[in-house]
Amino acid sequence: TVSDVLRKLDVSSRMKVKEVTLDMANNMDWIVRSVFQNASRVTDRFHVQKLVTEALQEMRIKERWEAIDEENEAIQECKKKNQKYRAPTYSNWDTKKQLLARSRYLLFKSESKWTESQRNRSEILFKNFPKLKTGYKLSMQFRSFYEHSKTTKQAKASLKKWYNKVESKDFPSFKTAANSVKAHEGTILNYFDHRSTNASAESFNAKIKWFRALVRGVTDKKFFLYRITKLYA
């Protein structure tokens, strides 16, 4: 469907397109290959970073489920003894389950952007869950691959070091993420030619989704697009 719409543009116009940023979906890759044949394909950095961050979040979620199971077993034991269960807490008054749930947002951020309470929580989290600390470092090292590499050659070397570090750890979610990055490595490295992203398009798409949710869905598409035009054009 997307290819059919794009082919309504004349061939000479399509051949002028030099670069296209896209996500990691194979269908989008084939659309660009078939419609914009002269264009360089760039896998958008934010989609790639999100993949690695989700690998870390998967580790956190796994630990949280284990904490929930542990708490349920403790509750059952107390019931058998006719005792009231009281969950142990850390120095910030978080229970194990709460600590893992409330650490979600700090794992997305770099240390320099943590609030005081997040910094305190991170110290407790990393002390009690050293694997999460290692996973967080891997996530931040991948982010620095984008932020500190100046050329494609530097980026490739930095990425190779990151692969080796992931390979040395027994973290299945990170190994899956690394395999996906390897599969798209060529188009990921194309980012360093002009550092193009589709952040503005993603931002606009988020605004449209928010507006659609605000009006509780859409029945009249033409009128909805008219309103979008008036609000955002």
C-alpha atoms as a PDB file:
ATOM      1  CA  THR A   1       0.000   0.000   0.000  1.00  0.00           C
ATOM      2  CA  VAL A   2       2.759   2.453   0.948  1.00  0.00           C
ATOM      3  CA  SER A   3       4.766   1.615  -2.184  1.00  0.00           C
ATOM      4  CA  ASP A   4       1.731   2.190  -4.414  1.00  0.00           C
ATOM      5  CA  VAL A   5       1.183   5.635  -2.911  1.00  0.00           C
ATOM      6  CA  LEU A   6       4.855   6.613  -3.206  1.00  0.00           C
ATOM      7  CA  ARG A   7       4.994   5.491  -6.838  1.00  0.00           C
ATOM      8  CA  LYS A   8       2.480   8.217  -7.679  1.00  0.00           C
ATOM      9  CA  LEU A   9       5.516  10.496  -7.517  1.00  0.00           C
ATOM     10  CA  ASP A  10       7.286  10.563 -10.874  1.00  0.00           C
ATOM     11  CA  VAL A  11      10.468   8.508 -11.214  1.00  0.00           C
ATOM     12  CA  SER A  12      12.761  11.524 -11.636  1.00  0.00           C
ATOM     13  CA  SER A  13      11.580  12.951  -8.289  1.00  0.00           C
ATOM     14  CA  ARG A  14      12.049   9.632  -6.523  1.00  0.00           C
ATOM     15  CA  MET A  15      15.552   9.257  -7.921  1.00  0.00           C
ATOM     16  CA  LYS A  16      16.528  12.578  -6.276  1.00  0.00           C
ATOM     17  CA  VAL A  17      15.984  11.143  -2.789  1.00  0.00           C
ATOM     18  CA  LYS A  18      19.451  10.567  -1.303  1.00  0.00           C
ATOM     19  CA  GLU A  19      18.692   9.288   2.197  1.00  0.00           C
ATOM     20  CA  VAL A  20      15.771   7.730   4.100  1.00  0.00           C
ATOM     21  CA  THR A  21      15.610   7.099   7.847  1.00  0.00           C
ATOM     22  CA  LEU A  22      13.485   4.136   8.868  1.00  0.00           C
ATOM     23  CA  ASP A  23      12.799   1.702  11.700  1.00  0.00           C
ATOM     24  CA  MET A  24      14.001  -1.914  11.824  1.00  0.00           C
ATOM     25  CA  ALA A  25      10.968  -3.431  10.071  1.00  0.00           C
ATOM     26  CA  ASN A  26      11.847  -5.478   6.975  1.00  0.00           C
ATOM     27  CA  ASN A  27       8.779  -4.283   5.052  1.00  0.00           C
ATOM     28  CA  MET A  28       9.903  -0.639   5.374  1.00  0.00           C
ATOM     29  CA  ASP A  29      13.362  -1.641   4.173  1.00  0.00           C
ATOM     30  CA  TRP A  30      11.903  -3.224   1.019  1.00  0.00           C
ATOM     31  CA  ILE A  31       9.667  -0.192   0.390  1.00  0.00           C
ATOM     32  CA  VAL A  32      12.734   2.079   0.342  1.00  0.00           C
ATOM     33  CA  ARG A  33      14.729  -0.369  -1.824  1.00  0.00           C
ATOM     34  CA  SER A  34      11.981  -0.579  -4.455  1.00  0.00           C
ATOM     35  CA  VAL A  35      10.761   3.042  -4.493  1.00  0.00           C
ATOM     36  CA  PHE A  36      13.851   5.152  -3.721  1.00  0.00           C
ATOM     37  CA  GLN A  37      16.552   3.175  -5.495  1.00  0.00           C
ATOM     38  CA  ASN A  38      19.265   5.837  -5.206  1.00  0.00           C
ATOM     39  CA  ALA A  39      18.667   6.455  -1.493  1.00  0.00           C
ATOM     40  CA  SER A  40      20.930   5.408   1.329  1.00  0.00           C
ATOM     41  CA  ARG A  41      18.966   3.640   4.108  1.00  0.00           C
ATOM     42  CA  VAL A  42      19.574   4.762   7.710  1.00  0.00           C
ATOM     43  CA  THR A  43      18.193   2.773  10.622  1.00  0.00           C
ATOM     44  CA  ASP A  44      16.966   5.415  13.056  1.00  0.00           C
ATOM     45  CA  ARG A  45      19.135   5.593  16.165  1.00  0.00           C
ATOM     46  CA  PHE A  46      16.235   5.924  18.598  1.00  0.00           C
ATOM     47  CA  HIS A  47      14.698   2.644  17.445  1.00  0.00           C
ATOM     48  CA  VAL A  48      18.053   0.910  17.915  1.00  0.00           C
ATOM     49  CA  GLN A  49      18.640   2.451  21.350  1.00  0.00           C
ATOM     50  CA  LYS A  50      15.112   1.467  22.364  1.00  0.00           C
ATOM     51  CA  LEU A  51      15.873  -2.157  21.457  1.00  0.00           C
ATOM     52  CA  VAL A  52      18.914  -2.209  23.776  1.00  0.00           C
ATOM     53  CA  THR A  53      17.045  -0.405  26.570  1.00  0.00           C
ATOM     54  CA  GLU A  54      14.223  -2.942  26.326  1.00  0.00           C
ATOM     55  CA  ALA A  55      16.791  -5.716  26.817  1.00  0.00           C
ATOM     56  CA  LEU A  56      17.713  -4.104  30.153  1.00  0.00           C
ATOM     57  CA  GLN A  57      14.055  -3.637  31.100  1.00  0.00           C
ATOM     58  CA  GLU A  58      13.430  -7.321  30.368  1.00  0.00           C
ATOM     59  CA  MET A  59      16.092  -8.202  32.933  1.00  0.00           C
ATOM     60  CA  ARG A  60      14.450  -5.903  35.493  1.00  0.00           C
ATOM     61  CA  ILE A  61      10.992  -7.384  34.821  1.00  0.00           C
ATOM     62  CA  LYS A  62      12.326 -10.916  35.235  1.00  0.00           C
ATOM     63  CA  GLU A  63      13.805  -9.995  38.612  1.00  0.00           C
ATOM     64  CA  ARG A  64      10.501  -8.371  39.615  1.00  0.00           C
ATOM     65  CA  TRP A  65       8.483 -11.507  38.786  1.00  0.00           C
ATOM     66  CA  GLU A  66      10.903 -13.539  40.873  1.00  0.00           C
ATOM     67  CA  ALA A  67      10.442 -11.049  43.744  1.00  0.00           C
ATOM     68  CA  ILE A  68       6.643 -11.380  43.432  1.00  0.00           C
ATOM     69  CA  ASP A  69       6.904 -15.188  43.562  1.00  0.00           C
ATOM     70  CA  GLU A  70       9.205 -14.932  46.565  1.00  0.00           C
ATOM     71  CA  GLU A  71       6.756 -12.631  48.362  1.00  0.00           C
ATOM     72  CA  ASN A  72       3.759 -14.887  47.580  1.00  0.00           C
ATOM     73  CA  GLU A  73       5.605 -17.892  49.012  1.00  0.00           C
ATOM     74  CA  ALA A  74       6.459 -15.915  52.166  1.00  0.00           C
ATOM     75  CA  ILE A  75       2.801 -14.874  52.555  1.00  0.00           C
ATOM     76  CA  GLN A  76       1.672 -18.502  52.262  1.00  0.00           C
ATOM     77  CA  GLU A  77       4.208 -19.577  54.870  1.00  0.00           C
ATOM     78  CA  CYS A  78       2.957 -16.899  57.277  1.00  0.00           C
ATOM     79  CA  LYS A  79      -0.638 -17.988  56.719  1.00  0.00           C
ATOM     80  CA  LYS A  80       0.269 -21.575  57.610  1.00  0.00           C
ATOM     81  CA  LYS A  81       1.809 -20.324  60.868  1.00  0.00           C
ATOM     82  CA  ASN A  82      -1.162 -17.985  61.452  1.00  0.00           C
ATOM     83  CA  GLN A  83       1.149 -14.986  61.341  1.00  0.00           C
ATOM     84  CA  LYS A  84       0.799 -11.596  59.688  1.00  0.00           C
ATOM     85  CA  TYR A  85       3.215 -11.065  56.812  1.00  0.00           C
ATOM     86  CA  ARG A  86       5.296  -7.903  56.714  1.00  0.00           C
ATOM     87  CA  ALA A  87       7.582  -7.459  53.725  1.00  0.00           C
ATOM     88  CA  PRO A  88      11.169  -6.465  54.536  1.00  0.00           C
ATOM     89  CA  THR A  89      12.193  -3.034  53.268  1.00  0.00           C
ATOM     90  CA  TYR A  90      15.425  -1.349  52.201  1.00  0.00           C
ATOM     91  CA  SER A  91      16.804   1.895  53.637  1.00  0.00           C
ATOM     92  CA  ASN A  92      14.514   3.976  51.364  1.00  0.00           C
ATOM     93  CA  TRP A  93      11.462   2.006  52.613  1.00  0.00           C
ATOM     94  CA  ASP A  94      10.970   0.197  49.286  1.00  0.00           C
ATOM     95  CA  THR A  95      10.179  -3.488  49.409  1.00  0.00           C
ATOM     96  CA  LYS A  96      12.049  -5.723  46.965  1.00  0.00           C
ATOM     97  CA  LYS A  97       9.060  -5.718  44.610  1.00  0.00           C
ATOM     98  CA  GLN A  98       8.629  -1.939  44.862  1.00  0.00           C
ATOM     99  CA  LEU A  99      12.341  -1.288  44.322  1.00  0.00           C
ATOM    100  CA  LEU A 100      12.293  -3.189  41.023  1.00  0.00           C
ATOM    101  CA  ALA A 101       9.046  -1.552  39.878  1.00  0.00           C
ATOM    102  CA  ARG A 102      10.135   2.003  40.777  1.00  0.00           C
ATOM    103  CA  SER A 103      13.554   1.625  39.141  1.00  0.00           C
ATOM    104  CA  ARG A 104      12.065   1.505  35.656  1.00  0.00           C
ATOM    105  CA  TYR A 105      12.609   5.151  34.704  1.00  0.00           C
ATOM    106  CA  LEU A 106      16.081   5.592  36.178  1.00  0.00           C
ATOM    107  CA  LEU A 107      17.349   2.755  33.950  1.00  0.00           C
ATOM    108  CA  PHE A 108      16.342   4.798  30.875  1.00  0.00           C
ATOM    109  CA  LYS A 109      18.476   7.781  31.968  1.00  0.00           C
ATOM    110  CA  SER A 110      22.182   8.445  32.208  1.00  0.00           C
ATOM    111  CA  GLU A 111      23.536   8.933  35.746  1.00  0.00           C
ATOM    112  CA  SER A 112      23.952  12.691  35.222  1.00  0.00           C
ATOM    113  CA  LYS A 113      20.177  13.057  34.766  1.00  0.00           C
ATOM    114  CA  TRP A 114      19.115  11.136  37.873  1.00  0.00           C
ATOM    115  CA  THR A 115      17.239  12.953  40.625  1.00  0.00           C
ATOM    116  CA  GLU A 116      18.482  12.572  44.212  1.00  0.00           C
ATOM    117  CA  SER A 117      15.867   9.913  45.003  1.00  0.00           C
ATOM    118  CA  GLN A 118      16.723   8.012  41.802  1.00  0.00           C
ATOM    119  CA  ARG A 119      20.418   8.131  42.686  1.00  0.00           C
ATOM    120  CA  ASN A 120      19.654   6.733  46.139  1.00  0.00           C
ATOM    121  CA  ARG A 121      17.410   4.032  44.666  1.00  0.00           C
ATOM    122  CA  SER A 122      20.031   3.091  42.058  1.00  0.00           C
ATOM    123  CA  GLU A 123      22.651   2.509  44.777  1.00  0.00           C
ATOM    124  CA  ILE A 124      20.313   0.090  46.565  1.00  0.00           C
ATOM    125  CA  LEU A 125      19.252  -1.552  43.298  1.00  0.00           C
ATOM    126  CA  PHE A 126      22.761  -2.145  41.978  1.00  0.00           C
ATOM    127  CA  LYS A 127      24.031  -3.358  45.355  1.00  0.00           C
ATOM    128  CA  ASN A 128      21.295  -6.011  45.570  1.00  0.00           C
ATOM    129  CA  PHE A 129      21.042  -6.803  41.847  1.00  0.00           C
ATOM    130  CA  PRO A 130      24.580  -6.659  40.398  1.00  0.00           C
ATOM    131  CA  LYS A 131      23.403  -8.133  37.075  1.00  0.00           C
ATOM    132  CA  LEU A 132      21.187  -5.071  36.563  1.00  0.00           C
ATOM    133  CA  LYS A 133      24.198  -2.854  37.215  1.00  0.00           C
ATOM    134  CA  THR A 134      26.162  -4.690  34.522  1.00  0.00           C
ATOM    135  CA  GLY A 135      23.173  -4.520  32.149  1.00  0.00           C
ATOM    136  CA  TYR A 136      22.825  -0.775  32.803  1.00  0.00           C
ATOM    137  CA  LYS A 137      26.503  -0.255  31.934  1.00  0.00           C
ATOM    138  CA  LEU A 138      26.048  -2.191  28.684  1.00  0.00           C
ATOM    139  CA  SER A 139      23.036  -0.019  27.826  1.00  0.00           C
ATOM    140  CA  MET A 140      24.928   3.221  28.520  1.00  0.00           C
ATOM    141  CA  GLN A 141      27.976   1.985  26.577  1.00  0.00           C
ATOM    142  CA  PHE A 142      25.748   1.403  23.570  1.00  0.00           C
ATOM    143  CA  ARG A 143      24.379   4.936  23.876  1.00  0.00           C
ATOM    144  CA  SER A 144      27.929   6.320  23.977  1.00  0.00           C
ATOM    145  CA  PHE A 145      28.615   4.481  20.689  1.00  0.00           C
ATOM    146  CA  TYR A 146      26.238   6.983  19.066  1.00  0.00           C
ATOM    147  CA  GLU A 147      27.237  10.024  21.102  1.00  0.00           C
ATOM    148  CA  HIS A 148      31.037   9.788  20.960  1.00  0.00           C
ATOM    149  CA  SER A 149      31.793   8.211  17.567  1.00  0.00           C
ATOM    150  CA  LYS A 150      32.807  10.865  15.036  1.00  0.00           C
ATOM    151  CA  THR A 151      33.234   8.685  11.949  1.00  0.00           C
ATOM    152  CA  THR A 152      31.836   5.423  10.590  1.00  0.00           C
ATOM    153  CA  LYS A 153      35.210   3.749  11.212  1.00  0.00           C
ATOM    154  CA  GLN A 154      35.216   4.795  14.877  1.00  0.00           C
ATOM    155  CA  ALA A 155      31.599   3.701  15.239  1.00  0.00           C
ATOM    156  CA  LYS A 156      32.321   0.261  13.771  1.00  0.00           C
ATOM    157  CA  ALA A 157      35.238  -0.271  16.161  1.00  0.00           C
ATOM    158  CA  SER A 158      33.148   0.878  19.120  1.00  0.00           C
ATOM    159  CA  LEU A 159      30.292  -1.416  18.103  1.00  0.00           C
ATOM    160  CA  LYS A 160      32.662  -4.385  17.854  1.00  0.00           C
ATOM    161  CA  LYS A 161      33.859  -3.768  21.435  1.00  0.00           C
ATOM    162  CA  TRP A 162      30.237  -3.663  22.590  1.00  0.00           C
ATOM    163  CA  TYR A 163      29.492  -6.984  20.863  1.00  0.00           C
ATOM    164  CA  ASN A 164      32.448  -8.565  22.694  1.00  0.00           C
ATOM    165  CA  LYS A 165      31.260  -7.265  26.053  1.00  0.00           C
ATOM    166  CA  VAL A 166      27.736  -8.596  25.452  1.00  0.00           C
ATOM    167  CA  GLU A 167      29.157 -11.955  24.370  1.00  0.00           C
ATOM    168  CA  SER A 168      31.125 -12.229  27.622  1.00  0.00           C
ATOM    169  CA  LYS A 169      27.944 -11.870  29.710  1.00  0.00           C
ATOM    170  CA  ASP A 170      25.235 -14.474  30.137  1.00  0.00           C
ATOM    171  CA  PHE A 171      22.361 -12.078  29.401  1.00  0.00           C
ATOM    172  CA  PRO A 172      19.984 -13.640  26.798  1.00  0.00           C
ATOM    173  CA  SER A 173      18.011 -10.419  26.215  1.00  0.00           C
ATOM    174  CA  PHE A 174      21.190  -8.462  25.400  1.00  0.00           C
ATOM    175  CA  LYS A 175      22.457 -11.226  23.109  1.00  0.00           C
ATOM    176  CA  THR A 176      19.143 -11.077  21.208  1.00  0.00           C
ATOM    177  CA  ALA A 177      19.454  -7.290  20.930  1.00  0.00           C
ATOM    178  CA  ALA A 178      23.078  -7.596  19.754  1.00  0.00           C
ATOM    179  CA  ASN A 179      22.049 -10.101  17.065  1.00  0.00           C
ATOM    180  CA  SER A 180      19.387  -7.666  15.801  1.00  0.00           C
ATOM    181  CA  VAL A 181      21.941  -4.849  15.731  1.00  0.00           C
ATOM    182  CA  LYS A 182      24.357  -7.071  13.772  1.00  0.00           C
ATOM    183  CA  ALA A 183      21.606  -7.882  11.254  1.00  0.00           C
ATOM    184  CA  HIS A 184      21.082  -4.141  10.597  1.00  0.00           C
ATOM    185  CA  GLU A 185      24.693  -3.022  11.147  1.00  0.00           C
ATOM    186  CA  GLY A 186      25.187  -1.621   7.639  1.00  0.00           C
ATOM    187  CA  THR A 187      22.194   0.735   7.793  1.00  0.00           C
ATOM    188  CA  ILE A 188      22.918   1.594  11.457  1.00  0.00           C
ATOM    189  CA  LEU A 189      26.425   2.751  10.536  1.00  0.00           C
ATOM    190  CA  ASN A 190      24.987   4.874   7.684  1.00  0.00           C
ATOM    191  CA  TYR A 191      23.770   7.215  10.446  1.00  0.00           C
ATOM    192  CA  PHE A 192      27.310   8.564  10.841  1.00  0.00           C
ATOM    193  CA  ASP A 193      27.349   9.960   7.280  1.00  0.00           C
ATOM    194  CA  HIS A 194      24.934  12.798   8.058  1.00  0.00           C
ATOM    195  CA  ARG A 195      23.541  11.916  11.541  1.00  0.00           C
ATOM    196  CA  SER A 196      19.981  11.984  10.234  1.00  0.00           C
ATOM    197  CA  THR A 197      17.063  10.826  12.395  1.00  0.00           C
ATOM    198  CA  ASN A 198      13.293  10.718  11.991  1.00  0.00           C
ATOM    199  CA  ALA A 199      12.793  12.200  15.473  1.00  0.00           C
ATOM    200  CA  SER A 200      10.608  15.040  14.155  1.00  0.00           C
ATOM    201  CA  ALA A 201       8.330  12.575  12.336  1.00  0.00           C
ATOM    202  CA  GLU A 202       8.105  10.370  15.448  1.00  0.00           C
ATOM    203  CA  SER A 203       7.257  13.437  17.541  1.00  0.00           C
ATOM    204  CA  PHE A 204       4.504  14.460  15.129  1.00  0.00           C
ATOM    205  CA  ASN A 205       3.141  10.916  15.056  1.00  0.00           C
ATOM    206  CA  ALA A 206       2.992  10.937  18.880  1.00  0.00           C
ATOM    207  CA  LYS A 207       0.993  14.184  18.762  1.00  0.00           C
ATOM    208  CA  ILE A 208      -1.518  12.657  16.340  1.00  0.00           C
ATOM    209  CA  LYS A 209      -1.902   9.562  18.538  1.00  0.00           C
ATOM    210  CA  TRP A 210      -2.416  11.758  21.602  1.00  0.00           C
ATOM    211  CA  PHE A 211      -5.074  13.819  19.797  1.00  0.00           C
ATOM    212  CA  ARG A 212      -6.821  10.658  18.562  1.00  0.00           C
ATOM    213  CA  ALA A 213      -6.935   9.342  22.136  1.00  0.00           C
ATOM    214  CA  LEU A 214      -8.220  12.703  23.393  1.00  0.00           C
ATOM    215  CA  VAL A 215     -11.233  12.607  21.041  1.00  0.00           C
ATOM    216  CA  ARG A 216     -11.881   8.926  21.892  1.00  0.00           C
ATOM    217  CA  GLY A 217     -11.158   7.582  18.419  1.00  0.00           C
ATOM    218  CA  VAL A 218     -12.069   8.606  14.882  1.00  0.00           C
ATOM    219  CA  THR A 219     -15.186   7.884  12.796  1.00  0.00           C
ATOM    220  CA  ASP A 220     -14.987  10.677  10.197  1.00  0.00           C
ATOM    221  CA  LYS A 221     -11.448  10.442   8.793  1.00  0.00           C
ATOM    222  CA  LYS A 222     -11.731  13.472   6.495  1.00  0.00           C
ATOM    223  CA  PHE A 223     -12.894  15.715   9.335  1.00  0.00           C
ATOM    224  CA  PHE A 224     -10.186  14.312  11.622  1.00  0.00           C
ATOM    225  CA  LEU A 225      -7.481  15.132   9.037  1.00  0.00           C
ATOM    226  CA  TYR A 226      -9.008  18.596   8.613  1.00  0.00           C
ATOM    227  CA  ARG A 227      -8.701  19.185  12.374  1.00  0.00           C
ATOM    228  CA  ILE A 228      -5.119  17.843  12.394  1.00  0.00           C
ATOM    229  CA  THR A 229      -4.268  20.277   9.577  1.00  0.00           C
ATOM    230  CA  LYS A 230      -5.753  23.243  11.455  1.00  0.00           C
ATOM    231  CA  LEU A 231      -3.984  22.314  14.693  1.00  0.00           C
ATOM    232  CA  TYR A 232      -0.526  21.311  13.463  1.00  0.00           C
ATOM    233  CA  ALA A 233       0.055  22.463   9.881  1.00  0.00           C
END
